[in-house]
Amino acid sequence: MITHNNKCLHCKCSFLSKRSDAKYCSDSCRVLAYIERQKKYWQEEQKKYDDYNLALSERFRLLKKQKDNQAKDNEQQVSSMPPKNHEETIKAKELKDLQEWVKTAFENLKRENN
């Protein structure tokens, strides 16, 4: 029987095997190596996910800041406009009615004098 001297990729120990392409000294080393590869893969995926979430939260923060600035600008524009309330509307209507009454009274006086 031919045996080959190989080195385990997981525990780095030398071992004898029947196959020349054997990579691991035992099933437990093979499984542990698989678990480490999966762990490394998922850590990289988690980092990508965290980076993506960080970028999204930063984008959201910037959009919220932009929206808040626009709201402040709108408030400043509204506060610089003269207030429109019910009393001012009534006064304007009364003034218009008074102007019409004066106009008609003036026209009636003109007719009476002619």
N, C-alpha and C. Protein backbone atom coordinates (compact mmCIF):
# COMPACT_ATOMS: atom_id res chain seq x y z
N MET A 1 0.84 -1.16 0.00
CA MET A 1 0.00 0.00 0.00
C MET A 1 0.90 1.25 0.00
N ILE A 2 0.53 2.19 -0.87
CA ILE A 2 1.30 3.44 -0.99
C ILE A 2 0.67 4.48 -0.08
N THR A 3 1.48 5.14 0.70
CA THR A 3 0.99 6.24 1.54
C THR A 3 1.70 7.52 1.13
N HIS A 4 0.95 8.60 1.31
CA HIS A 4 1.49 9.92 0.95
C HIS A 4 1.59 10.77 2.20
N ASN A 5 2.65 11.54 2.26
CA ASN A 5 2.85 12.43 3.39
C ASN A 5 2.27 13.80 3.01
N ASN A 6 1.18 14.18 3.67
CA ASN A 6 0.50 15.45 3.38
C ASN A 6 0.48 16.33 4.62
N LYS A 7 0.11 17.60 4.43
CA LYS A 7 -0.01 18.54 5.55
C LYS A 7 -1.46 19.01 5.61
N CYS A 8 -2.09 18.91 6.77
CA CYS A 8 -3.49 19.31 6.97
C CYS A 8 -3.63 20.82 6.79
N LEU A 9 -4.63 21.23 5.98
CA LEU A 9 -4.84 22.66 5.74
C LEU A 9 -5.45 23.37 6.96
N HIS A 10 -6.05 22.60 7.85
CA HIS A 10 -6.66 23.23 9.03
C HIS A 10 -5.71 23.30 10.21
N CYS A 11 -5.21 22.15 10.63
CA CYS A 11 -4.37 22.14 11.84
C CYS A 11 -2.87 22.17 11.54
N LYS A 12 -2.52 22.13 10.31
CA LYS A 12 -1.12 22.25 9.83
C LYS A 12 -0.21 21.08 10.27
N CYS A 13 -0.79 19.96 10.70
CA CYS A 13 0.05 18.84 11.09
C CYS A 13 0.29 17.91 9.89
N SER A 14 1.36 17.17 9.93
CA SER A 14 1.65 16.21 8.86
C SER A 14 0.86 14.93 9.11
N PHE A 15 0.39 14.30 8.03
CA PHE A 15 -0.35 13.05 8.16
C PHE A 15 -0.12 12.18 6.94
N LEU A 16 -0.32 10.91 7.12
CA LEU A 16 -0.18 9.94 6.03
C LEU A 16 -1.56 9.63 5.48
N SER A 17 -1.67 9.59 4.16
CA SER A 17 -2.96 9.29 3.54
C SER A 17 -2.77 8.35 2.36
N LYS A 18 -3.86 7.71 1.97
CA LYS A 18 -3.82 6.84 0.80
C LYS A 18 -3.84 7.66 -0.49
N ARG A 19 -4.43 8.84 -0.42
CA ARG A 19 -4.55 9.69 -1.61
C ARG A 19 -3.50 10.78 -1.58
N SER A 20 -3.04 11.13 -2.76
CA SER A 20 -2.02 12.19 -2.83
C SER A 20 -2.64 13.58 -2.71
N ASP A 21 -3.96 13.70 -3.01
CA ASP A 21 -4.62 15.00 -2.97
C ASP A 21 -5.43 15.24 -1.68
N ALA A 22 -5.21 14.45 -0.64
CA ALA A 22 -5.92 14.66 0.63
C ALA A 22 -5.49 16.00 1.24
N LYS A 23 -6.50 16.73 1.73
CA LYS A 23 -6.22 18.07 2.27
C LYS A 23 -6.28 18.11 3.79
N TYR A 24 -7.07 17.23 4.39
CA TYR A 24 -7.29 17.28 5.84
C TYR A 24 -6.93 15.94 6.46
N CYS A 25 -6.46 16.02 7.71
CA CYS A 25 -6.04 14.80 8.40
C CYS A 25 -7.22 13.99 8.92
N SER A 26 -8.37 14.64 9.14
CA SER A 26 -9.55 13.93 9.67
C SER A 26 -10.83 14.64 9.25
N ASP A 27 -11.94 13.94 9.49
CA ASP A 27 -13.24 14.56 9.19
C ASP A 27 -13.48 15.79 10.06
N SER A 28 -13.04 15.74 11.29
CA SER A 28 -13.26 16.89 12.17
C SER A 28 -12.49 18.12 11.67
N CYS A 29 -11.27 17.95 11.17
CA CYS A 29 -10.52 19.08 10.62
C CYS A 29 -11.21 19.62 9.36
N ARG A 30 -11.75 18.71 8.54
CA ARG A 30 -12.45 19.12 7.33
C ARG A 30 -13.68 19.96 7.69
N VAL A 31 -14.45 19.50 8.66
CA VAL A 31 -15.67 20.22 9.08
C VAL A 31 -15.30 21.56 9.72
N LEU A 32 -14.28 21.57 10.58
CA LEU A 32 -13.87 22.82 11.22
C LEU A 32 -13.36 23.83 10.18
N ALA A 33 -12.65 23.36 9.17
CA ALA A 33 -12.19 24.26 8.10
C ALA A 33 -13.39 24.85 7.36
N TYR A 34 -14.40 24.00 7.11
CA TYR A 34 -15.62 24.48 6.44
C TYR A 34 -16.31 25.55 7.29
N ILE A 35 -16.42 25.29 8.58
CA ILE A 35 -17.07 26.25 9.50
C ILE A 35 -16.31 27.57 9.50
N GLU A 36 -14.98 27.52 9.52
CA GLU A 36 -14.18 28.75 9.49
C GLU A 36 -14.39 29.52 8.19
N ARG A 37 -14.47 28.79 7.05
CA ARG A 37 -14.71 29.46 5.77
C ARG A 37 -16.08 30.14 5.78
N GLN A 38 -17.08 29.44 6.30
CA GLN A 38 -18.43 30.01 6.37
C GLN A 38 -18.47 31.21 7.30
N LYS A 39 -17.78 31.10 8.41
CA LYS A 39 -17.73 32.20 9.37
C LYS A 39 -17.11 33.44 8.73
N LYS A 40 -15.99 33.24 8.02
CA LYS A 40 -15.33 34.34 7.34
C LYS A 40 -16.25 34.95 6.28
N TYR A 41 -16.93 34.09 5.52
CA TYR A 41 -17.85 34.57 4.48
C TYR A 41 -18.96 35.43 5.10
N TRP A 42 -19.58 34.93 6.17
CA TRP A 42 -20.69 35.67 6.77
C TRP A 42 -20.22 36.94 7.48
N GLN A 43 -19.00 36.93 7.98
CA GLN A 43 -18.46 38.17 8.56
C GLN A 43 -18.29 39.23 7.47
N GLU A 44 -17.81 38.81 6.29
CA GLU A 44 -17.68 39.75 5.17
C GLU A 44 -19.05 40.25 4.71
N GLU A 45 -20.03 39.33 4.66
CA GLU A 45 -21.38 39.73 4.28
C GLU A 45 -21.97 40.70 5.31
N GLN A 46 -21.72 40.44 6.59
CA GLN A 46 -22.21 41.33 7.64
C GLN A 46 -21.57 42.71 7.52
N LYS A 47 -20.29 42.77 7.18
CA LYS A 47 -19.62 44.05 6.99
C LYS A 47 -20.23 44.81 5.83
N LYS A 48 -20.50 44.11 4.72
CA LYS A 48 -21.16 44.76 3.57
C LYS A 48 -22.52 45.30 3.98
N TYR A 49 -23.26 44.49 4.73
CA TYR A 49 -24.59 44.89 5.18
C TYR A 49 -24.51 46.11 6.11
N ASP A 50 -23.56 46.08 7.04
CA ASP A 50 -23.38 47.20 7.96
C ASP A 50 -22.98 48.48 7.21
N ASP A 51 -22.07 48.33 6.23
CA ASP A 51 -21.66 49.48 5.42
C ASP A 51 -22.85 50.05 4.65
N TYR A 52 -23.67 49.15 4.10
CA TYR A 52 -24.86 49.57 3.36
C TYR A 52 -25.83 50.31 4.28
N ASN A 53 -26.07 49.75 5.48
CA ASN A 53 -26.97 50.40 6.43
C ASN A 53 -26.42 51.75 6.88
N LEU A 54 -25.11 51.83 7.05
CA LEU A 54 -24.49 53.10 7.43
C LEU A 54 -24.70 54.14 6.33
N ALA A 55 -24.51 53.71 5.08
CA ALA A 55 -24.71 54.63 3.96
C ALA A 55 -26.18 55.06 3.87
N LEU A 56 -27.10 54.13 4.09
CA LEU A 56 -28.52 54.48 4.06
C LEU A 56 -28.88 55.44 5.18
N SER A 57 -28.37 55.19 6.38
CA SER A 57 -28.70 56.07 7.50
C SER A 57 -28.11 57.46 7.29
N GLU A 58 -26.92 57.52 6.69
CA GLU A 58 -26.31 58.82 6.39
C GLU A 58 -27.15 59.56 5.35
N ARG A 59 -27.59 58.84 4.32
CA ARG A 59 -28.43 59.44 3.28
C ARG A 59 -29.75 59.93 3.88
N PHE A 60 -30.34 59.12 4.76
CA PHE A 60 -31.58 59.51 5.42
C PHE A 60 -31.38 60.76 6.28
N ARG A 61 -30.24 60.80 6.99
CA ARG A 61 -29.94 61.96 7.83
C ARG A 61 -29.81 63.22 6.99
N LEU A 62 -29.13 63.12 5.84
CA LEU A 62 -28.98 64.27 4.95
C LEU A 62 -30.31 64.72 4.38
N LEU A 63 -31.15 63.76 3.98
CA LEU A 63 -32.47 64.11 3.45
C LEU A 63 -33.34 64.77 4.51
N LYS A 64 -33.27 64.26 5.75
CA LYS A 64 -34.04 64.85 6.84
C LYS A 64 -33.56 66.27 7.13
N LYS A 65 -32.25 66.47 7.11
CA LYS A 65 -31.70 67.80 7.32
C LYS A 65 -32.15 68.75 6.22
N GLN A 66 -32.13 68.27 4.98
CA GLN A 66 -32.56 69.09 3.85
C GLN A 66 -34.04 69.45 3.99
N LYS A 67 -34.86 68.47 4.40
CA LYS A 67 -36.29 68.71 4.58
C LYS A 67 -36.53 69.72 5.70
N ASP A 68 -35.78 69.59 6.81
CA ASP A 68 -35.92 70.52 7.93
C ASP A 68 -35.53 71.95 7.50
N ASN A 69 -34.45 72.06 6.70
CA ASN A 69 -34.04 73.38 6.21
C ASN A 69 -35.11 73.99 5.32
N GLN A 70 -35.73 73.17 4.47
CA GLN A 70 -36.80 73.67 3.61
C GLN A 70 -38.00 74.12 4.46
N ALA A 71 -38.30 73.36 5.51
CA ALA A 71 -39.41 73.73 6.38
C ALA A 71 -39.12 75.07 7.08
N LYS A 72 -37.87 75.26 7.52
CA LYS A 72 -37.50 76.53 8.16
C LYS A 72 -37.62 77.68 7.16
N ASP A 73 -37.17 77.46 5.92
CA ASP A 73 -37.28 78.49 4.89
C ASP A 73 -38.74 78.84 4.64
N ASN A 74 -39.60 77.84 4.58
CA ASN A 74 -41.03 78.08 4.38
C ASN A 74 -41.63 78.86 5.54
N GLU A 75 -41.22 78.50 6.78
CA GLU A 75 -41.73 79.23 7.94
C GLU A 75 -41.30 80.69 7.90
N GLN A 76 -40.05 80.93 7.48
CA GLN A 76 -39.57 82.31 7.40
C GLN A 76 -40.34 83.08 6.34
N GLN A 77 -40.63 82.45 5.21
CA GLN A 77 -41.39 83.12 4.15
C GLN A 77 -42.80 83.44 4.63
N VAL A 78 -43.43 82.49 5.32
CA VAL A 78 -44.79 82.70 5.81
C VAL A 78 -44.80 83.77 6.89
N SER A 79 -43.79 83.77 7.77
CA SER A 79 -43.78 84.76 8.85
C SER A 79 -43.50 86.17 8.31
N SER A 80 -42.83 86.28 7.15
CA SER A 80 -42.58 87.61 6.60
C SER A 80 -43.79 88.16 5.85
N MET A 81 -44.77 87.30 5.53
CA MET A 81 -45.99 87.77 4.86
C MET A 81 -46.91 88.39 5.90
N PRO A 82 -47.72 89.38 5.48
CA PRO A 82 -48.66 89.96 6.44
C PRO A 82 -49.69 88.92 6.86
N PRO A 83 -50.09 88.94 8.13
CA PRO A 83 -51.04 87.92 8.60
C PRO A 83 -52.41 88.11 7.97
N LYS A 84 -53.03 87.04 7.60
CA LYS A 84 -54.38 87.05 7.05
C LYS A 84 -55.27 86.40 8.10
N ASN A 85 -56.04 87.21 8.78
CA ASN A 85 -56.96 86.61 9.73
C ASN A 85 -58.38 87.08 9.42
N HIS A 86 -59.31 86.59 10.14
CA HIS A 86 -60.73 86.84 9.86
C HIS A 86 -61.09 88.32 10.03
N GLU A 87 -60.52 88.96 11.05
CA GLU A 87 -60.84 90.36 11.31
C GLU A 87 -60.40 91.25 10.15
N GLU A 88 -59.19 91.01 9.61
CA GLU A 88 -58.71 91.81 8.48
C GLU A 88 -59.60 91.61 7.26
N THR A 89 -60.08 90.40 7.04
CA THR A 89 -60.96 90.14 5.91
C THR A 89 -62.27 90.90 6.06
N ILE A 90 -62.81 90.93 7.28
CA ILE A 90 -64.06 91.66 7.53
C ILE A 90 -63.85 93.16 7.33
N LYS A 91 -62.74 93.69 7.82
CA LYS A 91 -62.46 95.12 7.65
C LYS A 91 -62.32 95.48 6.18
N ALA A 92 -61.67 94.65 5.41
CA ALA A 92 -61.52 94.91 3.99
C ALA A 92 -62.88 94.91 3.30
N LYS A 93 -63.76 93.99 3.67
CA LYS A 93 -65.10 93.93 3.07
C LYS A 93 -65.91 95.16 3.47
N GLU A 94 -65.82 95.56 4.74
CA GLU A 94 -66.54 96.76 5.18
C GLU A 94 -66.05 98.00 4.44
N LEU A 95 -64.75 98.10 4.24
CA LEU A 95 -64.18 99.22 3.51
C LEU A 95 -64.68 99.24 2.07
N LYS A 96 -64.74 98.09 1.45
CA LYS A 96 -65.24 98.00 0.07
C LYS A 96 -66.70 98.41 0.00
N ASP A 97 -67.50 97.94 0.98
CA ASP A 97 -68.92 98.32 1.03
C ASP A 97 -69.07 99.83 1.22
N LEU A 98 -68.24 100.40 2.09
CA LEU A 98 -68.30 101.84 2.33
C LEU A 98 -67.93 102.62 1.08
N GLN A 99 -66.91 102.15 0.35
CA GLN A 99 -66.52 102.82 -0.89
C GLN A 99 -67.65 102.78 -1.92
N GLU A 100 -68.32 101.63 -2.03
CA GLU A 100 -69.45 101.52 -2.96
C GLU A 100 -70.59 102.46 -2.54
N TRP A 101 -70.87 102.55 -1.22
CA TRP A 101 -71.95 103.41 -0.75
C TRP A 101 -71.65 104.88 -1.07
N VAL A 102 -70.37 105.30 -0.82
CA VAL A 102 -69.97 106.67 -1.12
C VAL A 102 -70.11 106.94 -2.61
N LYS A 103 -69.70 106.00 -3.41
CA LYS A 103 -69.77 106.16 -4.86
C LYS A 103 -71.22 106.33 -5.32
N THR A 104 -72.11 105.46 -4.83
CA THR A 104 -73.53 105.58 -5.22
C THR A 104 -74.13 106.87 -4.67
N ALA A 105 -73.76 107.25 -3.45
CA ALA A 105 -74.29 108.50 -2.88
C ALA A 105 -73.81 109.69 -3.71
N PHE A 106 -72.57 109.68 -4.12
CA PHE A 106 -72.02 110.75 -4.94
C PHE A 106 -72.73 110.82 -6.29
N GLU A 107 -72.99 109.68 -6.89
CA GLU A 107 -73.71 109.64 -8.18
C GLU A 107 -75.14 110.15 -8.01
N ASN A 108 -75.82 109.82 -6.89
CA ASN A 108 -77.18 110.30 -6.65
C ASN A 108 -77.19 111.83 -6.48
N LEU A 109 -76.18 112.33 -5.79
CA LEU A 109 -76.10 113.79 -5.64
C LEU A 109 -75.91 114.49 -6.98
N LYS A 110 -75.10 113.89 -7.82
CA LYS A 110 -74.87 114.45 -9.15
C LYS A 110 -76.16 114.51 -9.94
N ARG A 111 -76.93 113.42 -9.88
CA ARG A 111 -78.20 113.39 -10.64
C ARG A 111 -79.19 114.42 -10.10
N GLU A 112 -79.22 114.58 -8.81
CA GLU A 112 -80.17 115.54 -8.23
C GLU A 112 -79.80 116.97 -8.63
N ASN A 113 -78.50 117.24 -8.74
CA ASN A 113 -78.06 118.58 -9.09
C ASN A 113 -78.27 118.85 -10.57
N ASN A 114 -78.35 117.87 -11.39
CA ASN A 114 -78.53 118.07 -12.85
C ASN A 114 -79.95 118.11 -13.16
